Amino acid sequence: MAAQQEIFRETPRVEPAPKRELPGDDPAPAPVWLQRLSLVVLVIFCFYIGGLLALLPWLPRYWEQNGWLMSHPAVDAVLQRGWVRGLVSGIGLLDVWIGISEMLHYRDYRA
């Protein structure tokens, strides 16, 4: 019987070169206009989502007369409880507070 050749040869392991850390070698921060634009987008997003979450549980058209909830009575029974409405509204108010906090504590990072 003929000797079989090796299918997988052991390849020598190559170690990556160590990265040299130089003082002050931090990546440059994003431009100031981009930092401010991202803050505006975040604040608008937090206000919008927070406002929806704070108000929708108390509007009967969207919460009590919801077609999807009417077709799922078990979910509807839980979501019609007052503490669930309060929890959803509290999450909405927390989201609005996050937007306000981000707006008040904003600082530009400059190179």
PDB file of N, CA and C in Angstrom:
ATOM      1  N   MET A   1       0.836  -1.160   0.000  1.00  0.00           N
ATOM      2  CA  MET A   1       0.000   0.000   0.000  1.00  0.00           C
ATOM      3  C   MET A   1       0.887   1.232   0.000  1.00  0.00           C
ATOM      4  N   ALA A   2       0.538   2.198  -0.834  1.00  0.00           N
ATOM      5  CA  ALA A   2       1.352   3.411  -0.979  1.00  0.00           C
ATOM      6  C   ALA A   2       1.115   4.343   0.202  1.00  0.00           C
ATOM      7  N   ALA A   3       2.175   5.043   0.530  1.00  0.00           N
ATOM      8  CA  ALA A   3       2.065   5.989   1.649  1.00  0.00           C
ATOM      9  C   ALA A   3       1.201   7.176   1.241  1.00  0.00           C
ATOM     10  N   GLN A   4       0.326   7.573   2.116  1.00  0.00           N
ATOM     11  CA  GLN A   4      -0.562   8.678   1.829  1.00  0.00           C
ATOM     12  C   GLN A   4       0.127   9.987   2.175  1.00  0.00           C
ATOM     13  N   GLN A   5      -0.095  11.015   1.338  1.00  0.00           N
ATOM     14  CA  GLN A   5       0.508  12.311   1.613  1.00  0.00           C
ATOM     15  C   GLN A   5      -0.310  13.039   2.684  1.00  0.00           C
ATOM     16  N   GLU A   6       0.375  13.929   3.327  1.00  0.00           N
ATOM     17  CA  GLU A   6      -0.282  14.708   4.366  1.00  0.00           C
ATOM     18  C   GLU A   6      -1.248  15.701   3.722  1.00  0.00           C
ATOM     19  N   ILE A   7      -2.479  15.726   4.181  1.00  0.00           N
ATOM     20  CA  ILE A   7      -3.465  16.651   3.601  1.00  0.00           C
ATOM     21  C   ILE A   7      -3.299  18.044   4.184  1.00  0.00           C
ATOM     22  N   PHE A   8      -3.222  18.104   5.497  1.00  0.00           N
ATOM     23  CA  PHE A   8      -3.087  19.406   6.145  1.00  0.00           C
ATOM     24  C   PHE A   8      -1.699  19.494   6.753  1.00  0.00           C
ATOM     25  N   ARG A   9      -0.940  20.407   6.274  1.00  0.00           N
ATOM     26  CA  ARG A   9       0.398  20.604   6.826  1.00  0.00           C
ATOM     27  C   ARG A   9       0.317  21.619   7.956  1.00  0.00           C
ATOM     28  N   GLU A  10       1.150  21.442   8.906  1.00  0.00           N
ATOM     29  CA  GLU A  10       1.194  22.417   9.992  1.00  0.00           C
ATOM     30  C   GLU A  10       1.864  23.672   9.472  1.00  0.00           C
ATOM     31  N   THR A  11       1.159  24.788   9.628  1.00  0.00           N
ATOM     32  CA  THR A  11       1.730  26.063   9.200  1.00  0.00           C
ATOM     33  C   THR A  11       2.335  26.747  10.414  1.00  0.00           C
ATOM     34  N   PRO A  12       3.467  27.370  10.215  1.00  0.00           N
ATOM     35  CA  PRO A  12       4.075  28.061  11.360  1.00  0.00           C
ATOM     36  C   PRO A  12       3.200  29.234  11.785  1.00  0.00           C
ATOM     37  N   ARG A  13       3.064  29.384  13.074  1.00  0.00           N
ATOM     38  CA  ARG A  13       2.253  30.470  13.619  1.00  0.00           C
ATOM     39  C   ARG A  13       3.037  31.767  13.554  1.00  0.00           C
ATOM     40  N   VAL A  14       2.406  32.775  12.954  1.00  0.00           N
ATOM     41  CA  VAL A  14       3.043  34.082  12.824  1.00  0.00           C
ATOM     42  C   VAL A  14       2.445  35.002  13.879  1.00  0.00           C
ATOM     43  N   GLU A  15       3.288  35.531  14.732  1.00  0.00           N
ATOM     44  CA  GLU A  15       2.839  36.450  15.781  1.00  0.00           C
ATOM     45  C   GLU A  15       2.746  37.853  15.190  1.00  0.00           C
ATOM     46  N   PRO A  16       1.639  38.560  15.460  1.00  0.00           N
ATOM     47  CA  PRO A  16       1.549  39.928  14.967  1.00  0.00           C
ATOM     48  C   PRO A  16       2.531  40.824  15.708  1.00  0.00           C
ATOM     49  N   ALA A  17       2.995  41.822  15.016  1.00  0.00           N
ATOM     50  CA  ALA A  17       3.938  42.752  15.623  1.00  0.00           C
ATOM     51  C   ALA A  17       3.229  43.524  16.725  1.00  0.00           C
ATOM     52  N   PRO A  18       3.880  43.733  17.845  1.00  0.00           N
ATOM     53  CA  PRO A  18       3.228  44.482  18.926  1.00  0.00           C
ATOM     54  C   PRO A  18       2.985  45.922  18.508  1.00  0.00           C
ATOM     55  N   LYS A  19       1.812  46.425  18.899  1.00  0.00           N
ATOM     56  CA  LYS A  19       1.459  47.800  18.552  1.00  0.00           C
ATOM     57  C   LYS A  19       2.160  48.736  19.520  1.00  0.00           C
ATOM     58  N   ARG A  20       2.749  49.741  18.973  1.00  0.00           N
ATOM     59  CA  ARG A  20       3.475  50.698  19.804  1.00  0.00           C
ATOM     60  C   ARG A  20       2.525  51.806  20.234  1.00  0.00           C
ATOM     61  N   GLU A  21       2.449  52.015  21.516  1.00  0.00           N
ATOM     62  CA  GLU A  21       1.611  53.080  22.059  1.00  0.00           C
ATOM     63  C   GLU A  21       2.461  54.338  22.197  1.00  0.00           C
ATOM     64  N   LEU A  22       2.086  55.360  21.496  1.00  0.00           N
ATOM     65  CA  LEU A  22       2.768  56.636  21.600  1.00  0.00           C
ATOM     66  C   LEU A  22       1.903  57.580  22.427  1.00  0.00           C
ATOM     67  N   PRO A  23       2.520  58.406  23.258  1.00  0.00           N
ATOM     68  CA  PRO A  23       1.709  59.350  24.027  1.00  0.00           C
ATOM     69  C   PRO A  23       1.023  60.337  23.076  1.00  0.00           C
ATOM     70  N   GLY A  24      -0.240  60.578  23.320  1.00  0.00           N
ATOM     71  CA  GLY A  24      -0.986  61.500  22.474  1.00  0.00           C
ATOM     72  C   GLY A  24      -1.392  60.876  21.155  1.00  0.00           C
ATOM     73  N   ASP A  25      -1.439  59.546  21.080  1.00  0.00           N
ATOM     74  CA  ASP A  25      -1.761  58.855  19.834  1.00  0.00           C
ATOM     75  C   ASP A  25      -3.251  58.488  19.784  1.00  0.00           C
ATOM     76  N   ASP A  26      -4.099  59.237  20.498  1.00  0.00           N
ATOM     77  CA  ASP A  26      -5.532  58.975  20.500  1.00  0.00           C
ATOM     78  C   ASP A  26      -6.118  59.368  19.153  1.00  0.00           C
ATOM     79  N   PRO A  27      -7.167  58.668  18.735  1.00  0.00           N
ATOM     80  CA  PRO A  27      -7.810  59.069  17.479  1.00  0.00           C
ATOM     81  C   PRO A  27      -8.447  60.440  17.631  1.00  0.00           C
ATOM     82  N   ALA A  28      -8.462  61.175  16.545  1.00  0.00           N
ATOM     83  CA  ALA A  28      -9.019  62.531  16.574  1.00  0.00           C
ATOM     84  C   ALA A  28     -10.526  62.458  16.800  1.00  0.00           C
ATOM     85  N   PRO A  29     -11.068  63.368  17.602  1.00  0.00           N
ATOM     86  CA  PRO A  29     -12.523  63.365  17.805  1.00  0.00           C
ATOM     87  C   PRO A  29     -13.240  63.795  16.528  1.00  0.00           C
ATOM     88  N   ALA A  30     -14.520  63.490  16.489  1.00  0.00           N
ATOM     89  CA  ALA A  30     -15.333  63.862  15.330  1.00  0.00           C
ATOM     90  C   ALA A  30     -15.387  65.390  15.237  1.00  0.00           C
ATOM     91  N   PRO A  31     -15.640  65.902  14.038  1.00  0.00           N
ATOM     92  CA  PRO A  31     -15.766  67.364  13.904  1.00  0.00           C
ATOM     93  C   PRO A  31     -16.887  67.899  14.796  1.00  0.00           C
ATOM     94  N   VAL A  32     -16.745  69.148  15.204  1.00  0.00           N
ATOM     95  CA  VAL A  32     -17.699  69.750  16.138  1.00  0.00           C
ATOM     96  C   VAL A  32     -19.102  69.771  15.547  1.00  0.00           C
ATOM     97  N   TRP A  33     -19.224  70.068  14.258  1.00  0.00           N
ATOM     98  CA  TRP A  33     -20.558  70.122  13.643  1.00  0.00           C
ATOM     99  C   TRP A  33     -21.237  68.755  13.695  1.00  0.00           C
ATOM    100  N   LEU A  34     -20.454  67.681  13.573  1.00  0.00           N
ATOM    101  CA  LEU A  34     -21.017  66.341  13.624  1.00  0.00           C
ATOM    102  C   LEU A  34     -21.426  65.978  15.051  1.00  0.00           C
ATOM    103  N   GLN A  35     -20.645  66.410  16.029  1.00  0.00           N
ATOM    104  CA  GLN A  35     -21.002  66.183  17.426  1.00  0.00           C
ATOM    105  C   GLN A  35     -22.318  66.884  17.760  1.00  0.00           C
ATOM    106  N   ARG A  36     -22.449  68.130  17.295  1.00  0.00           N
ATOM    107  CA  ARG A  36     -23.668  68.894  17.583  1.00  0.00           C
ATOM    108  C   ARG A  36     -24.871  68.325  16.842  1.00  0.00           C
ATOM    109  N   LEU A  37     -24.674  67.888  15.613  1.00  0.00           N
ATOM    110  CA  LEU A  37     -25.767  67.298  14.846  1.00  0.00           C
ATOM    111  C   LEU A  37     -26.246  66.006  15.502  1.00  0.00           C
ATOM    112  N   SER A  38     -25.310  65.193  15.980  1.00  0.00           N
ATOM    113  CA  SER A  38     -25.713  63.953  16.642  1.00  0.00           C
ATOM    114  C   SER A  38     -26.454  64.249  17.943  1.00  0.00           C
ATOM    115  N   LEU A  39     -26.080  65.314  18.641  1.00  0.00           N
ATOM    116  CA  LEU A  39     -26.807  65.701  19.849  1.00  0.00           C
ATOM    117  C   LEU A  39     -28.235  66.117  19.505  1.00  0.00           C
ATOM    118  N   VAL A  40     -28.406  66.912  18.453  1.00  0.00           N
ATOM    119  CA  VAL A  40     -29.749  67.356  18.054  1.00  0.00           C
ATOM    120  C   VAL A  40     -30.611  66.161  17.676  1.00  0.00           C
ATOM    121  N   VAL A  41     -30.052  65.234  16.905  1.00  0.00           N
ATOM    122  CA  VAL A  41     -30.814  64.046  16.501  1.00  0.00           C
ATOM    123  C   VAL A  41     -31.188  63.218  17.724  1.00  0.00           C
ATOM    124  N   LEU A  42     -30.266  63.028  18.660  1.00  0.00           N
ATOM    125  CA  LEU A  42     -30.551  62.253  19.866  1.00  0.00           C
ATOM    126  C   LEU A  42     -31.638  62.912  20.707  1.00  0.00           C
ATOM    127  N   VAL A  43     -31.569  64.233  20.878  1.00  0.00           N
ATOM    128  CA  VAL A  43     -32.553  64.939  21.699  1.00  0.00           C
ATOM    129  C   VAL A  43     -33.934  64.880  21.050  1.00  0.00           C
ATOM    130  N   ILE A  44     -34.002  65.087  19.741  1.00  0.00           N
ATOM    131  CA  ILE A  44     -35.294  65.004  19.052  1.00  0.00           C
ATOM    132  C   ILE A  44     -35.855  63.588  19.158  1.00  0.00           C
ATOM    133  N   PHE A  45     -35.016  62.588  18.985  1.00  0.00           N
ATOM    134  CA  PHE A  45     -35.455  61.198  19.104  1.00  0.00           C
ATOM    135  C   PHE A  45     -35.982  60.906  20.508  1.00  0.00           C
ATOM    136  N   CYS A  46     -35.257  61.340  21.536  1.00  0.00           N
ATOM    137  CA  CYS A  46     -35.686  61.088  22.915  1.00  0.00           C
ATOM    138  C   CYS A  46     -37.003  61.797  23.218  1.00  0.00           C
ATOM    139  N   PHE A  47     -37.157  63.036  22.755  1.00  0.00           N
ATOM    140  CA  PHE A  47     -38.406  63.752  23.000  1.00  0.00           C
ATOM    141  C   PHE A  47     -39.571  63.087  22.268  1.00  0.00           C
ATOM    142  N   TYR A  48     -39.348  62.668  21.052  1.00  0.00           N
ATOM    143  CA  TYR A  48     -40.422  62.077  20.257  1.00  0.00           C
ATOM    144  C   TYR A  48     -40.872  60.738  20.853  1.00  0.00           C
ATOM    145  N   ILE A  49     -39.934  59.843  21.078  1.00  0.00           N
ATOM    146  CA  ILE A  49     -40.275  58.528  21.625  1.00  0.00           C
ATOM    147  C   ILE A  49     -40.812  58.667  23.054  1.00  0.00           C
ATOM    148  N   GLY A  50     -40.193  59.524  23.845  1.00  0.00           N
ATOM    149  CA  GLY A  50     -40.668  59.724  25.211  1.00  0.00           C
ATOM    150  C   GLY A  50     -42.066  60.304  25.255  1.00  0.00           C
ATOM    151  N   GLY A  51     -42.342  61.246  24.365  1.00  0.00           N
ATOM    152  CA  GLY A  51     -43.682  61.819  24.318  1.00  0.00           C
ATOM    153  C   GLY A  51     -44.721  60.793  23.910  1.00  0.00           C
ATOM    154  N   LEU A  52     -44.385  59.970  22.931  1.00  0.00           N
ATOM    155  CA  LEU A  52     -45.325  58.914  22.526  1.00  0.00           C
ATOM    156  C   LEU A  52     -45.583  57.930  23.658  1.00  0.00           C
ATOM    157  N   LEU A  53     -44.515  57.497  24.320  1.00  0.00           N
ATOM    158  CA  LEU A  53     -44.677  56.533  25.402  1.00  0.00           C
ATOM    159  C   LEU A  53     -45.402  57.140  26.602  1.00  0.00           C
ATOM    160  N   ALA A  54     -45.250  58.437  26.820  1.00  0.00           N
ATOM    161  CA  ALA A  54     -45.908  59.063  27.964  1.00  0.00           C
ATOM    162  C   ALA A  54     -47.388  59.312  27.704  1.00  0.00           C
ATOM    163  N   LEU A  55     -47.755  59.587  26.446  1.00  0.00           N
ATOM    164  CA  LEU A  55     -49.136  59.983  26.155  1.00  0.00           C
ATOM    165  C   LEU A  55     -50.022  58.861  25.626  1.00  0.00           C
ATOM    166  N   LEU A  56     -49.491  57.976  24.810  1.00  0.00           N
ATOM    167  CA  LEU A  56     -50.336  56.968  24.171  1.00  0.00           C
ATOM    168  C   LEU A  56     -51.104  56.054  25.129  1.00  0.00           C
ATOM    169  N   PRO A  57     -50.552  55.661  26.272  1.00  0.00           N
ATOM    170  CA  PRO A  57     -51.348  54.796  27.155  1.00  0.00           C
ATOM    171  C   PRO A  57     -52.622  55.456  27.684  1.00  0.00           C
ATOM    172  N   TRP A  58     -52.718  56.770  27.613  1.00  0.00           N
ATOM    173  CA  TRP A  58     -53.868  57.463  28.170  1.00  0.00           C
ATOM    174  C   TRP A  58     -54.839  57.922  27.088  1.00  0.00           C
ATOM    175  N   LEU A  59     -54.572  57.610  25.824  1.00  0.00           N
ATOM    176  CA  LEU A  59     -55.490  57.941  24.739  1.00  0.00           C
ATOM    177  C   LEU A  59     -56.291  56.694  24.384  1.00  0.00           C
ATOM    178  N   PRO A  60     -57.615  56.711  24.620  1.00  0.00           N
ATOM    179  CA  PRO A  60     -58.408  55.493  24.414  1.00  0.00           C
ATOM    180  C   PRO A  60     -58.370  54.978  22.973  1.00  0.00           C
ATOM    181  N   ARG A  61     -58.260  55.869  22.013  1.00  0.00           N
ATOM    182  CA  ARG A  61     -58.265  55.438  20.616  1.00  0.00           C
ATOM    183  C   ARG A  61     -57.086  54.517  20.306  1.00  0.00           C
ATOM    184  N   TYR A  62     -55.946  54.774  20.913  1.00  0.00           N
ATOM    185  CA  TYR A  62     -54.749  53.988  20.612  1.00  0.00           C
ATOM    186  C   TYR A  62     -54.521  52.857  21.608  1.00  0.00           C
ATOM    187  N   TRP A  63     -55.039  52.966  22.820  1.00  0.00           N
ATOM    188  CA  TRP A  63     -54.726  51.978  23.841  1.00  0.00           C
ATOM    189  C   TRP A  63     -55.881  51.009  24.085  1.00  0.00           C
ATOM    190  N   GLU A  64     -57.102  51.522  24.218  1.00  0.00           N
ATOM    191  CA  GLU A  64     -58.235  50.661  24.549  1.00  0.00           C
ATOM    192  C   GLU A  64     -58.916  50.092  23.314  1.00  0.00           C
ATOM    193  N   GLN A  65     -58.961  50.849  22.226  1.00  0.00           N
ATOM    194  CA  GLN A  65     -59.670  50.418  21.027  1.00  0.00           C
ATOM    195  C   GLN A  65     -58.701  49.966  19.940  1.00  0.00           C
ATOM    196  N   ASN A  66     -57.609  49.397  20.341  1.00  0.00           N
ATOM    197  CA  ASN A  66     -56.579  48.932  19.426  1.00  0.00           C
ATOM    198  C   ASN A  66     -57.000  47.573  18.850  1.00  0.00           C
ATOM    199  N   GLY A  67     -57.021  47.473  17.529  1.00  0.00           N
ATOM    200  CA  GLY A  67     -57.454  46.241  16.882  1.00  0.00           C
ATOM    201  C   GLY A  67     -56.577  45.047  17.193  1.00  0.00           C
ATOM    202  N   TRP A  68     -55.273  45.257  17.264  1.00  0.00           N
ATOM    203  CA  TRP A  68     -54.369  44.145  17.556  1.00  0.00           C
ATOM    204  C   TRP A  68     -54.599  43.638  18.972  1.00  0.00           C
ATOM    205  N   LEU A  69     -54.791  44.572  19.921  1.00  0.00           N
ATOM    206  CA  LEU A  69     -55.036  44.151  21.300  1.00  0.00           C
ATOM    207  C   LEU A  69     -56.385  43.460  21.442  1.00  0.00           C
ATOM    208  N   MET A  70     -57.375  43.899  20.674  1.00  0.00           N
ATOM    209  CA  MET A  70     -58.686  43.259  20.743  1.00  0.00           C
ATOM    210  C   MET A  70     -58.635  41.815  20.230  1.00  0.00           C
ATOM    211  N   SER A  71     -57.719  41.552  19.311  1.00  0.00           N
ATOM    212  CA  SER A  71     -57.607  40.191  18.797  1.00  0.00           C
ATOM    213  C   SER A  71     -56.727  39.305  19.680  1.00  0.00           C
ATOM    214  N   HIS A  72     -56.075  39.871  20.673  1.00  0.00           N
ATOM    215  CA  HIS A  72     -55.251  39.129  21.628  1.00  0.00           C
ATOM    216  C   HIS A  72     -55.728  39.469  23.041  1.00  0.00           C
ATOM    217  N   PRO A  73     -56.780  38.807  23.512  1.00  0.00           N
ATOM    218  CA  PRO A  73     -57.373  39.192  24.801  1.00  0.00           C
ATOM    219  C   PRO A  73     -56.458  39.006  26.011  1.00  0.00           C
ATOM    220  N   ALA A  74     -55.558  38.056  25.978  1.00  0.00           N
ATOM    221  CA  ALA A  74     -54.665  37.855  27.130  1.00  0.00           C
ATOM    222  C   ALA A  74     -53.718  39.039  27.284  1.00  0.00           C
ATOM    223  N   VAL A  75     -53.179  39.511  26.163  1.00  0.00           N
ATOM    224  CA  VAL A  75     -52.288  40.674  26.202  1.00  0.00           C
ATOM    225  C   VAL A  75     -53.087  41.910  26.584  1.00  0.00           C
ATOM    226  N   ASP A  76     -54.297  42.022  26.049  1.00  0.00           N
ATOM    227  CA  ASP A  76     -55.149  43.173  26.329  1.00  0.00           C
ATOM    228  C   ASP A  76     -55.485  43.253  27.814  1.00  0.00           C
ATOM    229  N   ALA A  77     -55.727  42.102  28.443  1.00  0.00           N
ATOM    230  CA  ALA A  77     -56.064  42.095  29.866  1.00  0.00           C
ATOM    231  C   ALA A  77     -54.921  42.641  30.712  1.00  0.00           C
ATOM    232  N   VAL A  78     -53.694  42.362  30.320  1.00  0.00           N
ATOM    233  CA  VAL A  78     -52.540  42.866  31.069  1.00  0.00           C
ATOM    234  C   VAL A  78     -52.321  44.343  30.787  1.00  0.00           C
ATOM    235  N   LEU A  79     -52.398  44.745  29.515  1.00  0.00           N
ATOM    236  CA  LEU A  79     -52.097  46.126  29.154  1.00  0.00           C
ATOM    237  C   LEU A  79     -53.166  47.113  29.592  1.00  0.00           C
ATOM    238  N   GLN A  80     -54.358  46.660  29.935  1.00  0.00           N
ATOM    239  CA  GLN A  80     -55.405  47.571  30.391  1.00  0.00           C
ATOM    240  C   GLN A  80     -55.293  47.904  31.881  1.00  0.00           C
ATOM    241  N   ARG A  81     -54.396  47.272  32.568  1.00  0.00           N
ATOM    242  CA  ARG A  81     -54.210  47.564  33.990  1.00  0.00           C
ATOM    243  C   ARG A  81     -53.520  48.916  34.155  1.00  0.00           C
ATOM    244  N   GLY A  82     -53.877  49.592  35.207  1.00  0.00           N
ATOM    245  CA  GLY A  82     -53.343  50.936  35.443  1.00  0.00           C
ATOM    246  C   GLY A  82     -51.844  50.964  35.674  1.00  0.00           C
ATOM    247  N   TRP A  83     -51.322  49.958  36.359  1.00  0.00           N
ATOM    248  CA  TRP A  83     -49.885  49.980  36.652  1.00  0.00           C
ATOM    249  C   TRP A  83     -49.055  49.775  35.390  1.00  0.00           C
ATOM    250  N   VAL A  84     -49.593  49.048  34.400  1.00  0.00           N
ATOM    251  CA  VAL A  84     -48.860  48.870  33.139  1.00  0.00           C
ATOM    252  C   VAL A  84     -48.834  50.192  32.380  1.00  0.00           C
ATOM    253  N   ARG A  85     -49.985  50.878  32.376  1.00  0.00           N
ATOM    254  CA  ARG A  85     -50.021  52.199  31.734  1.00  0.00           C
ATOM    255  C   ARG A  85     -49.038  53.149  32.405  1.00  0.00           C
ATOM    256  N   GLY A  86     -49.017  53.126  33.726  1.00  0.00           N
ATOM    257  CA  GLY A  86     -48.088  53.985  34.452  1.00  0.00           C
ATOM    258  C   GLY A  86     -46.640  53.633  34.178  1.00  0.00           C
ATOM    259  N   LEU A  87     -46.354  52.337  34.059  1.00  0.00           N
ATOM    260  CA  LEU A  87     -44.994  51.901  33.756  1.00  0.00           C
ATOM    261  C   LEU A  87     -44.550  52.386  32.378  1.00  0.00           C
ATOM    262  N   VAL A  88     -45.429  52.247  31.392  1.00  0.00           N
ATOM    263  CA  VAL A  88     -45.092  52.705  30.038  1.00  0.00           C
ATOM    264  C   VAL A  88     -44.918  54.220  30.029  1.00  0.00           C
ATOM    265  N   SER A  89     -45.800  54.944  30.716  1.00  0.00           N
ATOM    266  CA  SER A  89     -45.662  56.398  30.784  1.00  0.00           C
ATOM    267  C   SER A  89     -44.388  56.794  31.521  1.00  0.00           C
ATOM    268  N   GLY A  90     -44.036  56.060  32.566  1.00  0.00           N
ATOM    269  CA  GLY A  90     -42.795  56.346  33.291  1.00  0.00           C
ATOM    270  C   GLY A  90     -41.565  56.147  32.429  1.00  0.00           C
ATOM    271  N   ILE A  91     -41.579  55.119  31.611  1.00  0.00           N
ATOM    272  CA  ILE A  91     -40.454  54.908  30.680  1.00  0.00           C
ATOM    273  C   ILE A  91     -40.379  56.066  29.690  1.00  0.00           C
ATOM    274  N   GLY A  92     -41.541  56.550  29.248  1.00  0.00           N
ATOM    275  CA  GLY A  92     -41.559  57.698  28.347  1.00  0.00           C
ATOM    276  C   GLY A  92     -40.994  58.947  29.000  1.00  0.00           C
ATOM    277  N   LEU A  93     -41.391  59.200  30.243  1.00  0.00           N
ATOM    278  CA  LEU A  93     -40.862  60.369  30.953  1.00  0.00           C
ATOM    279  C   LEU A  93     -39.369  60.231  31.223  1.00  0.00           C
ATOM    280  N   LEU A  94     -38.931  59.017  31.487  1.00  0.00           N
ATOM    281  CA  LEU A  94     -37.496  58.772  31.660  1.00  0.00           C
ATOM    282  C   LEU A  94     -36.741  59.067  30.369  1.00  0.00           C
ATOM    283  N   ASP A  95     -37.324  58.703  29.252  1.00  0.00           N
ATOM    284  CA  ASP A  95     -36.697  58.968  27.957  1.00  0.00           C
ATOM    285  C   ASP A  95     -36.609  60.466  27.696  1.00  0.00           C
ATOM    286  N   VAL A  96     -37.657  61.210  28.036  1.00  0.00           N
ATOM    287  CA  VAL A  96     -37.616  62.672  27.895  1.00  0.00           C
ATOM    288  C   VAL A  96     -36.532  63.244  28.804  1.00  0.00           C
ATOM    289  N   TRP A  97     -36.421  62.713  30.014  1.00  0.00           N
ATOM    290  CA  TRP A  97     -35.397  63.196  30.941  1.00  0.00           C
ATOM    291  C   TRP A  97     -33.984  62.918  30.402  1.00  0.00           C
ATOM    292  N   ILE A  98     -33.795  61.789  29.763  1.00  0.00           N
ATOM    293  CA  ILE A  98     -32.495  61.479  29.159  1.00  0.00           C
ATOM    294  C   ILE A  98     -32.159  62.512  28.092  1.00  0.00           C
ATOM    295  N   GLY A  99     -33.139  62.886  27.274  1.00  0.00           N
ATOM    296  CA  GLY A  99     -32.911  63.913  26.257  1.00  0.00           C
ATOM    297  C   GLY A  99     -32.541  65.251  26.870  1.00  0.00           C
ATOM    298  N   ILE A 100     -33.239  65.640  27.936  1.00  0.00           N
ATOM    299  CA  ILE A 100     -32.934  66.906  28.604  1.00  0.00           C
ATOM    300  C   ILE A 100     -31.539  66.848  29.219  1.00  0.00           C
ATOM    301  N   SER A 101     -31.201  65.739  29.852  1.00  0.00           N
ATOM    302  CA  SER A 101     -29.892  65.592  30.482  1.00  0.00           C
ATOM    303  C   SER A 101     -28.769  65.656  29.453  1.00  0.00           C
ATOM    304  N   GLU A 102     -28.952  64.979  28.327  1.00  0.00           N
ATOM    305  CA  GLU A 102     -27.929  65.034  27.279  1.00  0.00           C
ATOM    306  C   GLU A 102     -27.760  66.459  26.751  1.00  0.00           C
ATOM    307  N   MET A 103     -28.874  67.177  26.648  1.00  0.00           N
ATOM    308  CA  MET A 103     -28.815  68.544  26.148  1.00  0.00           C
ATOM    309  C   MET A 103     -28.090  69.465  27.137  1.00  0.00           C
ATOM    310  N   LEU A 104     -28.337  69.286  28.429  1.00  0.00           N
ATOM    311  CA  LEU A 104     -27.729  70.162  29.426  1.00  0.00           C
ATOM    312  C   LEU A 104     -26.256  69.852  29.681  1.00  0.00           C
ATOM    313  N   HIS A 105     -25.855  68.596  29.526  1.00  0.00           N
ATOM    314  CA  HIS A 105     -24.481  68.203  29.837  1.00  0.00           C
ATOM    315  C   HIS A 105     -23.600  68.058  28.605  1.00  0.00           C
ATOM    316  N   TYR A 106     -23.999  68.643  27.505  1.00  0.00           N
ATOM    317  CA  TYR A 106     -23.219  68.509  26.272  1.00  0.00           C
ATOM    318  C   TYR A 106     -21.933  69.339  26.355  1.00  0.00           C
ATOM    319  N   ARG A 107     -20.858  68.755  25.884  1.00  0.00           N
ATOM    320  CA  ARG A 107     -19.563  69.456  25.783  1.00  0.00           C
ATOM    321  C   ARG A 107     -18.941  69.098  24.441  1.00  0.00           C
ATOM    322  N   ASP A 108     -18.361  70.091  23.789  1.00  0.00           N
ATOM    323  CA  ASP A 108     -17.620  69.844  22.549  1.00  0.00           C
ATOM    324  C   ASP A 108     -16.278  69.201  22.886  1.00  0.00           C
ATOM    325  N   TYR A 109     -15.893  68.218  22.101  1.00  0.00           N
ATOM    326  CA  TYR A 109     -14.555  67.623  22.218  1.00  0.00           C
ATOM    327  C   TYR A 109     -13.734  68.090  21.036  1.00  0.00           C
ATOM    328  N   ARG A 110     -12.714  68.863  21.339  1.00  0.00           N
ATOM    329  CA  ARG A 110     -11.875  69.420  20.280  1.00  0.00           C
ATOM    330  C   ARG A 110     -10.473  68.855  20.372  1.00  0.00           C
ATOM    331  N   ALA A 111      -9.867  68.758  19.211  1.00  0.00           N
ATOM    332  CA  ALA A 111      -8.505  68.208  19.155  1.00  0.00           C
ATOM    333  C   ALA A 111      -7.488  69.191  19.674  1.00  0.00           C
TER     334      ALA A 111
END
